[in-house]
Amino acid sequence: MKTSNVRKRWETGETAVCAWSSIGNSYVAEVLGWSGVDCVLVDLQHGMTDVGTMIGALQAISSTPASPFVRVPSCDPPTLMKVLDAGAYGVICPMINSAEEASAFVDATRYPPEGSRSFGPARGLLYGGPDYFEHANATIVRLAMIETASGLEAVDAICQVDGLDGIFIGPSDLGLAFGKGSSGDPSDPQIVEAIRHCLATARRHGKHAGIFCPSGKVAARRRDEGFDFVVPGSDVNLLKAAMASEVKETLAR
């Protein structure tokens, strides 16, 4: 089975860099895949993407050096299986609030006897190779999002779930959970402590820790703090910022 770039990074103690694609376009996903990142994630939760568009994006990513990842809308077994059958090598599942939910997530993404995923990998075989079934359980990356007060309270139990590779922090939703708006101000003491606690808990249980960052500068800082899966912004935010900068320069007097 084709190897996972993210797992290769982790095996050498390095941090994996993920490109986040929300635009919902295969060409954009392909461009991101050639940017030097370890993986490109198609956002099926908040991105302008449905399953059909996602499949095209995964096909585009497969033509690049990057590994294909997907954030699913929820912990829904049929959707999780569809995403994996389409060739996703990693899955981020949002709104995980308990160890039971994390276990259900893992169960739906592993073949028996470790889980309950049914057989029918379709593109998984095309992308991963003829031995996909034998190695899929160990190759696919599974990250549970910690973004609510309940998830934060249960993070210790979540990080003890067998088969879960780690957690992924959503700072904006943590900000909402604390009643501080969606900005998720990283300097807010409550958010600083929540992020520190999640990272420390993941490390204590031998799990990986990821986080969404507003820029490469912040992603580098998070890497130095100990996060080993970082996202330096999204395609839509980067495009908007770049265009705004060019417009500002154009209109400068």
C-alpha atoms as a PDB file:
ATOM      1  CA  MET A   1       0.000   0.000   0.000  1.00  0.00           C
ATOM      2  CA  LYS A   2       1.212   3.493  -0.804  1.00  0.00           C
ATOM      3  CA  THR A   3       2.720   5.110   2.266  1.00  0.00           C
ATOM      4  CA  SER A   4       1.304   8.117   4.106  1.00  0.00           C
ATOM      5  CA  ASN A   5       3.430  11.269   4.021  1.00  0.00           C
ATOM      6  CA  VAL A   6       2.066  12.251   7.408  1.00  0.00           C
ATOM      7  CA  ARG A   7       3.038   8.952   9.007  1.00  0.00           C
ATOM      8  CA  LYS A   8       6.500   9.212   7.442  1.00  0.00           C
ATOM      9  CA  ARG A   9       6.932  12.598   9.119  1.00  0.00           C
ATOM     10  CA  TRP A  10       5.770  11.236  12.441  1.00  0.00           C
ATOM     11  CA  GLU A  11       8.063   8.221  12.247  1.00  0.00           C
ATOM     12  CA  THR A  12      11.063  10.563  12.145  1.00  0.00           C
ATOM     13  CA  GLY A  13       9.723  12.854  14.861  1.00  0.00           C
ATOM     14  CA  GLU A  14       8.906  15.682  12.459  1.00  0.00           C
ATOM     15  CA  THR A  15       5.846  17.890  12.058  1.00  0.00           C
ATOM     16  CA  ALA A  16       3.494  17.295   9.143  1.00  0.00           C
ATOM     17  CA  VAL A  17       2.186  20.337   7.251  1.00  0.00           C
ATOM     18  CA  CYS A  18      -1.340  20.189   5.871  1.00  0.00           C
ATOM     19  CA  ALA A  19      -2.963  22.399   3.225  1.00  0.00           C
ATOM     20  CA  TRP A  20      -6.624  23.104   3.927  1.00  0.00           C
ATOM     21  CA  SER A  21      -8.925  23.258   0.896  1.00  0.00           C
ATOM     22  CA  SER A  22     -12.324  24.886   1.376  1.00  0.00           C
ATOM     23  CA  ILE A  23     -12.955  26.258  -2.110  1.00  0.00           C
ATOM     24  CA  GLY A  24     -14.249  22.977  -3.483  1.00  0.00           C
ATOM     25  CA  ASN A  25     -12.337  22.802  -6.760  1.00  0.00           C
ATOM     26  CA  SER A  26     -10.108  20.023  -8.076  1.00  0.00           C
ATOM     27  CA  TYR A  27      -7.669  22.436  -9.741  1.00  0.00           C
ATOM     28  CA  VAL A  28      -7.159  24.319  -6.484  1.00  0.00           C
ATOM     29  CA  ALA A  29      -6.612  21.017  -4.664  1.00  0.00           C
ATOM     30  CA  GLU A  30      -4.072  19.977  -7.287  1.00  0.00           C
ATOM     31  CA  VAL A  31      -2.180  23.269  -6.992  1.00  0.00           C
ATOM     32  CA  LEU A  32      -2.055  22.879  -3.210  1.00  0.00           C
ATOM     33  CA  GLY A  33      -0.711  19.358  -3.631  1.00  0.00           C
ATOM     34  CA  TRP A  34       2.327  20.726  -5.481  1.00  0.00           C
ATOM     35  CA  SER A  35       3.071  23.395  -2.850  1.00  0.00           C
ATOM     36  CA  GLY A  36       5.357  21.208  -0.738  1.00  0.00           C
ATOM     37  CA  VAL A  37       2.826  20.176   1.919  1.00  0.00           C
ATOM     38  CA  ASP A  38       2.621  16.649   3.254  1.00  0.00           C
ATOM     39  CA  CYS A  39      -1.137  16.389   2.733  1.00  0.00           C
ATOM     40  CA  VAL A  40      -4.081  18.309   1.322  1.00  0.00           C
ATOM     41  CA  LEU A  41      -7.322  18.209   3.280  1.00  0.00           C
ATOM     42  CA  VAL A  42     -10.675  18.618   1.542  1.00  0.00           C
ATOM     43  CA  ASP A  43     -13.120  20.239   3.959  1.00  0.00           C
ATOM     44  CA  LEU A  44     -16.434  18.433   3.622  1.00  0.00           C
ATOM     45  CA  GLN A  45     -17.830  20.117   6.739  1.00  0.00           C
ATOM     46  CA  HIS A  46     -17.590  23.857   6.098  1.00  0.00           C
ATOM     47  CA  GLY A  47     -16.039  23.947   2.641  1.00  0.00           C
ATOM     48  CA  MET A  48     -18.015  24.535  -0.562  1.00  0.00           C
ATOM     49  CA  THR A  49     -17.797  20.829  -1.269  1.00  0.00           C
ATOM     50  CA  ASP A  50     -20.113  17.870  -1.632  1.00  0.00           C
ATOM     51  CA  VAL A  51     -19.085  14.222  -1.965  1.00  0.00           C
ATOM     52  CA  GLY A  52     -18.962  14.387  -5.759  1.00  0.00           C
ATOM     53  CA  THR A  53     -16.706  17.444  -5.744  1.00  0.00           C
ATOM     54  CA  MET A  54     -14.611  15.840  -3.007  1.00  0.00           C
ATOM     55  CA  ILE A  55     -13.959  12.781  -5.175  1.00  0.00           C
ATOM     56  CA  GLY A  56     -12.668  14.994  -7.981  1.00  0.00           C
ATOM     57  CA  ALA A  57     -10.436  16.836  -5.529  1.00  0.00           C
ATOM     58  CA  LEU A  58      -9.041  13.565  -4.156  1.00  0.00           C
ATOM     59  CA  GLN A  59      -8.287  12.428  -7.708  1.00  0.00           C
ATOM     60  CA  ALA A  60      -6.435  15.705  -8.316  1.00  0.00           C
ATOM     61  CA  ILE A  61      -4.463  15.394  -5.078  1.00  0.00           C
ATOM     62  CA  SER A  62      -3.535  11.838  -6.051  1.00  0.00           C
ATOM     63  CA  SER A  63      -1.590  13.227  -9.018  1.00  0.00           C
ATOM     64  CA  THR A  64       0.641  15.240  -6.666  1.00  0.00           C
ATOM     65  CA  PRO A  65       3.203  14.277  -3.985  1.00  0.00           C
ATOM     66  CA  ALA A  66       0.710  15.102  -1.191  1.00  0.00           C
ATOM     67  CA  SER A  67      -1.446  12.585   0.662  1.00  0.00           C
ATOM     68  CA  PRO A  68      -5.243  13.108   0.469  1.00  0.00           C
ATOM     69  CA  PHE A  69      -7.113  13.946   3.688  1.00  0.00           C
ATOM     70  CA  VAL A  70     -10.752  14.865   4.379  1.00  0.00           C
ATOM     71  CA  ARG A  71     -12.607  16.557   7.209  1.00  0.00           C
ATOM     72  CA  VAL A  72     -16.013  14.913   7.385  1.00  0.00           C
ATOM     73  CA  PRO A  73     -19.166  16.803   8.451  1.00  0.00           C
ATOM     74  CA  SER A  74     -19.802  14.593  11.484  1.00  0.00           C
ATOM     75  CA  CYS A  75     -19.193  11.182  13.007  1.00  0.00           C
ATOM     76  CA  ASP A  76     -21.498   9.447  10.525  1.00  0.00           C
ATOM     77  CA  PRO A  77     -20.353   5.897   9.631  1.00  0.00           C
ATOM     78  CA  PRO A  78     -21.748   5.846   6.056  1.00  0.00           C
ATOM     79  CA  THR A  79     -20.037   9.165   5.270  1.00  0.00           C
ATOM     80  CA  LEU A  80     -16.791   8.044   6.875  1.00  0.00           C
ATOM     81  CA  MET A  81     -16.797   4.833   4.820  1.00  0.00           C
ATOM     82  CA  LYS A  82     -17.615   6.730   1.622  1.00  0.00           C
ATOM     83  CA  VAL A  83     -14.722   9.126   2.224  1.00  0.00           C
ATOM     84  CA  LEU A  84     -12.284   6.272   2.819  1.00  0.00           C
ATOM     85  CA  ASP A  85     -13.568   4.276  -0.145  1.00  0.00           C
ATOM     86  CA  ALA A  86     -12.931   7.395  -2.247  1.00  0.00           C
ATOM     87  CA  GLY A  87      -9.258   7.246  -1.286  1.00  0.00           C
ATOM     88  CA  ALA A  88      -8.788   9.483   1.743  1.00  0.00           C
ATOM     89  CA  TYR A  89      -5.630   8.581   3.640  1.00  0.00           C
ATOM     90  CA  GLY A  90      -6.574  10.612   6.688  1.00  0.00           C
ATOM     91  CA  VAL A  91      -9.790  11.777   8.322  1.00  0.00           C
ATOM     92  CA  ILE A  92     -10.453  14.610  10.757  1.00  0.00           C
ATOM     93  CA  CYS A  93     -13.766  14.212  12.554  1.00  0.00           C
ATOM     94  CA  PRO A  94     -15.339  17.331  14.119  1.00  0.00           C
ATOM     95  CA  MET A  95     -17.296  17.804  17.333  1.00  0.00           C
ATOM     96  CA  ILE A  96     -15.922  14.814  19.220  1.00  0.00           C
ATOM     97  CA  ASN A  97     -17.184  15.322  22.774  1.00  0.00           C
ATOM     98  CA  SER A  98     -16.523  12.006  24.498  1.00  0.00           C
ATOM     99  CA  ALA A  99     -14.458   8.838  24.432  1.00  0.00           C
ATOM    100  CA  GLU A 100     -17.556   6.999  23.208  1.00  0.00           C
ATOM    101  CA  GLU A 101     -17.828   9.284  20.174  1.00  0.00           C
ATOM    102  CA  ALA A 102     -14.112   8.925  19.489  1.00  0.00           C
ATOM    103  CA  SER A 103     -14.461   5.143  19.680  1.00  0.00           C
ATOM    104  CA  ALA A 104     -17.375   5.223  17.227  1.00  0.00           C
ATOM    105  CA  PHE A 105     -15.255   7.309  14.852  1.00  0.00           C
ATOM    106  CA  VAL A 106     -12.380   4.841  15.006  1.00  0.00           C
ATOM    107  CA  ASP A 107     -14.691   1.837  14.696  1.00  0.00           C
ATOM    108  CA  ALA A 108     -16.247   3.128  11.465  1.00  0.00           C
ATOM    109  CA  THR A 109     -12.823   3.653   9.884  1.00  0.00           C
ATOM    110  CA  ARG A 110     -11.260   0.250  10.598  1.00  0.00           C
ATOM    111  CA  TYR A 111     -11.939  -3.098   8.972  1.00  0.00           C
ATOM    112  CA  PRO A 112     -12.878  -6.083  11.168  1.00  0.00           C
ATOM    113  CA  PRO A 113     -11.838  -7.392  13.555  1.00  0.00           C
ATOM    114  CA  GLU A 114     -10.610  -3.980  14.795  1.00  0.00           C
ATOM    115  CA  GLY A 115     -13.693  -2.135  13.541  1.00  0.00           C
ATOM    116  CA  SER A 116     -16.894  -2.338  11.547  1.00  0.00           C
ATOM    117  CA  ARG A 117     -15.969  -0.730   8.220  1.00  0.00           C
ATOM    118  CA  SER A 118     -17.499  -2.724   5.369  1.00  0.00           C
ATOM    119  CA  PHE A 119     -15.427  -3.747   2.352  1.00  0.00           C
ATOM    120  CA  GLY A 120     -15.671  -1.808  -0.896  1.00  0.00           C
ATOM    121  CA  PRO A 121     -12.636   0.491  -1.165  1.00  0.00           C
ATOM    122  CA  ALA A 122     -13.165   1.401  -4.854  1.00  0.00           C
ATOM    123  CA  ARG A 123     -10.675   4.280  -5.324  1.00  0.00           C
ATOM    124  CA  GLY A 124      -8.811   3.131  -2.234  1.00  0.00           C
ATOM    125  CA  LEU A 125      -7.542   0.179  -4.260  1.00  0.00           C
ATOM    126  CA  LEU A 126      -6.687   2.374  -7.235  1.00  0.00           C
ATOM    127  CA  TYR A 127      -4.758   4.905  -5.182  1.00  0.00           C
ATOM    128  CA  GLY A 128      -3.460   2.737  -2.347  1.00  0.00           C
ATOM    129  CA  GLY A 129      -2.669  -0.402  -4.293  1.00  0.00           C
ATOM    130  CA  PRO A 130      -3.865  -4.038  -4.414  1.00  0.00           C
ATOM    131  CA  ASP A 131      -2.810  -4.685  -0.808  1.00  0.00           C
ATOM    132  CA  TYR A 132      -4.978  -1.821   0.471  1.00  0.00           C
ATOM    133  CA  PHE A 133      -7.130  -4.052   2.665  1.00  0.00           C
ATOM    134  CA  GLU A 134      -4.156  -5.550   4.480  1.00  0.00           C
ATOM    135  CA  HIS A 135      -2.676  -2.173   5.445  1.00  0.00           C
ATOM    136  CA  ALA A 136      -5.535   0.343   5.504  1.00  0.00           C
ATOM    137  CA  ASN A 137      -6.200   0.088   9.247  1.00  0.00           C
ATOM    138  CA  ALA A 138      -2.593   0.949  10.068  1.00  0.00           C
ATOM    139  CA  THR A 139      -2.065   3.546   7.312  1.00  0.00           C
ATOM    140  CA  ILE A 140      -5.134   5.778   7.597  1.00  0.00           C
ATOM    141  CA  VAL A 141      -4.714   8.711   9.998  1.00  0.00           C
ATOM    142  CA  ARG A 142      -7.571   9.428  12.421  1.00  0.00           C
ATOM    143  CA  LEU A 143      -7.767  12.764  14.254  1.00  0.00           C
ATOM    144  CA  ALA A 144     -10.618  13.825  16.539  1.00  0.00           C
ATOM    145  CA  MET A 145     -11.414  17.525  16.765  1.00  0.00           C
ATOM    146  CA  ILE A 146     -11.474  19.114  20.199  1.00  0.00           C
ATOM    147  CA  GLU A 147     -13.545  22.284  19.842  1.00  0.00           C
ATOM    148  CA  THR A 148     -16.257  22.284  22.518  1.00  0.00           C
ATOM    149  CA  ALA A 149     -16.390  22.585  26.297  1.00  0.00           C
ATOM    150  CA  SER A 150     -17.505  18.949  26.504  1.00  0.00           C
ATOM    151  CA  GLY A 151     -14.666  17.797  24.267  1.00  0.00           C
ATOM    152  CA  LEU A 152     -12.152  19.755  26.307  1.00  0.00           C
ATOM    153  CA  GLU A 153     -13.464  18.222  29.515  1.00  0.00           C
ATOM    154  CA  ALA A 154     -13.235  14.726  28.021  1.00  0.00           C
ATOM    155  CA  VAL A 155      -9.902  15.163  26.219  1.00  0.00           C
ATOM    156  CA  ASP A 156      -8.051  12.868  28.627  1.00  0.00           C
ATOM    157  CA  ALA A 157     -10.486  10.008  27.993  1.00  0.00           C
ATOM    158  CA  ILE A 158     -10.569  10.755  24.249  1.00  0.00           C
ATOM    159  CA  CYS A 159      -6.784  10.498  24.058  1.00  0.00           C
ATOM    160  CA  GLN A 160      -6.948   7.021  25.573  1.00  0.00           C
ATOM    161  CA  VAL A 161      -9.084   5.587  22.753  1.00  0.00           C
ATOM    162  CA  ASP A 162      -7.303   2.765  20.967  1.00  0.00           C
ATOM    163  CA  GLY A 163      -6.800   3.357  17.272  1.00  0.00           C
ATOM    164  CA  LEU A 164      -7.179   7.140  17.484  1.00  0.00           C
ATOM    165  CA  ASP A 165      -3.971   8.746  16.244  1.00  0.00           C
ATOM    166  CA  GLY A 166      -4.523  12.045  17.937  1.00  0.00           C
ATOM    167  CA  ILE A 167      -6.521  15.223  18.311  1.00  0.00           C
ATOM    168  CA  PHE A 168      -6.948  18.350  16.214  1.00  0.00           C
ATOM    169  CA  ILE A 169      -7.742  21.656  17.890  1.00  0.00           C
ATOM    170  CA  GLY A 170     -10.177  24.149  16.420  1.00  0.00           C
ATOM    171  CA  PRO A 171      -9.289  27.482  18.086  1.00  0.00           C
ATOM    172  CA  SER A 172     -12.270  29.357  16.608  1.00  0.00           C
ATOM    173  CA  ASP A 173     -14.810  26.940  18.030  1.00  0.00           C
ATOM    174  CA  LEU A 174     -12.999  26.893  21.353  1.00  0.00           C
ATOM    175  CA  GLY A 175     -13.449  30.665  21.362  1.00  0.00           C
ATOM    176  CA  LEU A 176     -17.177  30.173  20.798  1.00  0.00           C
ATOM    177  CA  ALA A 177     -17.307  27.571  23.561  1.00  0.00           C
ATOM    178  CA  PHE A 178     -15.803  30.073  25.993  1.00  0.00           C
ATOM    179  CA  GLY A 179     -18.156  32.844  24.871  1.00  0.00           C
ATOM    180  CA  LYS A 180     -15.345  34.854  23.293  1.00  0.00           C
ATOM    181  CA  GLY A 181     -16.538  34.921  19.687  1.00  0.00           C
ATOM    182  CA  SER A 182     -15.201  33.049  16.686  1.00  0.00           C
ATOM    183  CA  SER A 183     -11.818  34.769  16.506  1.00  0.00           C
ATOM    184  CA  GLY A 184     -10.338  32.356  19.023  1.00  0.00           C
ATOM    185  CA  ASP A 185      -7.808  34.980  20.129  1.00  0.00           C
ATOM    186  CA  PRO A 186      -4.691  32.879  20.846  1.00  0.00           C
ATOM    187  CA  SER A 187      -3.549  35.395  23.457  1.00  0.00           C
ATOM    188  CA  ASP A 188      -6.677  34.960  25.575  1.00  0.00           C
ATOM    189  CA  PRO A 189      -5.562  33.221  28.790  1.00  0.00           C
ATOM    190  CA  GLN A 190      -8.460  30.750  28.757  1.00  0.00           C
ATOM    191  CA  ILE A 191      -7.759  29.688  25.180  1.00  0.00           C
ATOM    192  CA  VAL A 192      -3.998  29.560  25.818  1.00  0.00           C
ATOM    193  CA  GLU A 193      -4.581  27.219  28.738  1.00  0.00           C
ATOM    194  CA  ALA A 194      -7.070  25.064  26.801  1.00  0.00           C
ATOM    195  CA  ILE A 195      -4.619  24.595  23.932  1.00  0.00           C
ATOM    196  CA  ARG A 196      -1.749  23.881  26.323  1.00  0.00           C
ATOM    197  CA  HIS A 197      -3.869  21.333  28.173  1.00  0.00           C
ATOM    198  CA  CYS A 198      -4.862  19.543  24.959  1.00  0.00           C
ATOM    199  CA  LEU A 199      -1.285  19.362  23.743  1.00  0.00           C
ATOM    200  CA  ALA A 200       0.034  18.124  27.083  1.00  0.00           C
ATOM    201  CA  THR A 201      -2.733  15.526  27.352  1.00  0.00           C
ATOM    202  CA  ALA A 202      -2.111  14.193  23.860  1.00  0.00           C
ATOM    203  CA  ARG A 203       1.601  13.920  24.513  1.00  0.00           C
ATOM    204  CA  ARG A 204       1.050  12.191  27.850  1.00  0.00           C
ATOM    205  CA  HIS A 205      -0.940   9.465  26.126  1.00  0.00           C
ATOM    206  CA  GLY A 206       1.412   9.126  23.171  1.00  0.00           C
ATOM    207  CA  LYS A 207      -1.010  10.738  20.726  1.00  0.00           C
ATOM    208  CA  HIS A 208      -0.364  13.270  17.981  1.00  0.00           C
ATOM    209  CA  ALA A 209      -1.606  16.834  18.234  1.00  0.00           C
ATOM    210  CA  GLY A 210      -2.714  19.091  15.392  1.00  0.00           C
ATOM    211  CA  ILE A 211      -4.009  22.643  15.200  1.00  0.00           C
ATOM    212  CA  PHE A 212      -5.394  25.092  12.646  1.00  0.00           C
ATOM    213  CA  CYS A 213      -3.244  28.226  12.348  1.00  0.00           C
ATOM    214  CA  PRO A 214      -3.902  31.611  10.718  1.00  0.00           C
ATOM    215  CA  SER A 215      -0.471  31.790   9.084  1.00  0.00           C
ATOM    216  CA  GLY A 216       2.815  30.025   8.481  1.00  0.00           C
ATOM    217  CA  LYS A 217       4.417  32.136  11.201  1.00  0.00           C
ATOM    218  CA  VAL A 218       1.921  30.867  13.762  1.00  0.00           C
ATOM    219  CA  ALA A 219       2.236  27.313  12.424  1.00  0.00           C
ATOM    220  CA  ALA A 220       6.011  27.458  12.970  1.00  0.00           C
ATOM    221  CA  ARG A 221       5.429  28.601  16.549  1.00  0.00           C
ATOM    222  CA  ARG A 222       2.960  25.787  17.141  1.00  0.00           C
ATOM    223  CA  ARG A 223       5.491  23.316  15.748  1.00  0.00           C
ATOM    224  CA  ASP A 224       8.084  24.612  18.207  1.00  0.00           C
ATOM    225  CA  GLU A 225       5.542  24.202  21.012  1.00  0.00           C
ATOM    226  CA  GLY A 226       5.223  20.502  20.181  1.00  0.00           C
ATOM    227  CA  PHE A 227       2.368  20.204  17.695  1.00  0.00           C
ATOM    228  CA  ASP A 228       3.217  17.676  14.990  1.00  0.00           C
ATOM    229  CA  PHE A 229       0.365  18.404  12.566  1.00  0.00           C
ATOM    230  CA  VAL A 230      -0.140  22.028  11.561  1.00  0.00           C
ATOM    231  CA  VAL A 231      -2.352  23.828   9.052  1.00  0.00           C
ATOM    232  CA  PRO A 232      -0.978  27.252   7.961  1.00  0.00           C
ATOM    233  CA  GLY A 233      -4.302  28.765   6.867  1.00  0.00           C
ATOM    234  CA  SER A 234      -6.845  27.740   4.234  1.00  0.00           C
ATOM    235  CA  ASP A 235      -6.947  28.243   0.485  1.00  0.00           C
ATOM    236  CA  VAL A 236      -9.854  30.662   0.664  1.00  0.00           C
ATOM    237  CA  ASN A 237      -8.311  32.799   3.423  1.00  0.00           C
ATOM    238  CA  LEU A 238      -4.913  32.861   1.718  1.00  0.00           C
ATOM    239  CA  LEU A 239      -6.479  33.815  -1.615  1.00  0.00           C
ATOM    240  CA  LYS A 240      -8.543  36.570  -0.011  1.00  0.00           C
ATOM    241  CA  ALA A 241      -5.557  37.975   1.869  1.00  0.00           C
ATOM    242  CA  ALA A 242      -3.297  37.886  -1.181  1.00  0.00           C
ATOM    243  CA  MET A 243      -5.876  39.591  -3.384  1.00  0.00           C
ATOM    244  CA  ALA A 244      -6.619  42.236  -0.755  1.00  0.00           C
ATOM    245  CA  SER A 245      -2.901  42.974  -0.512  1.00  0.00           C
ATOM    246  CA  GLU A 246      -2.609  43.386  -4.281  1.00  0.00           C
ATOM    247  CA  VAL A 247      -5.657  45.655  -4.401  1.00  0.00           C
ATOM    248  CA  LYS A 248      -4.261  47.787  -1.603  1.00  0.00           C
ATOM    249  CA  GLU A 249      -0.973  48.157  -3.457  1.00  0.00           C
ATOM    250  CA  THR A 250      -2.798  48.957  -6.709  1.00  0.00           C
ATOM    251  CA  LEU A 251      -4.804  51.755  -5.091  1.00  0.00           C
ATOM    252  CA  ALA A 252      -1.967  53.165  -2.995  1.00  0.00           C
ATOM    253  CA  ARG A 253      -1.247  56.847  -3.512  1.00  0.00           C
END
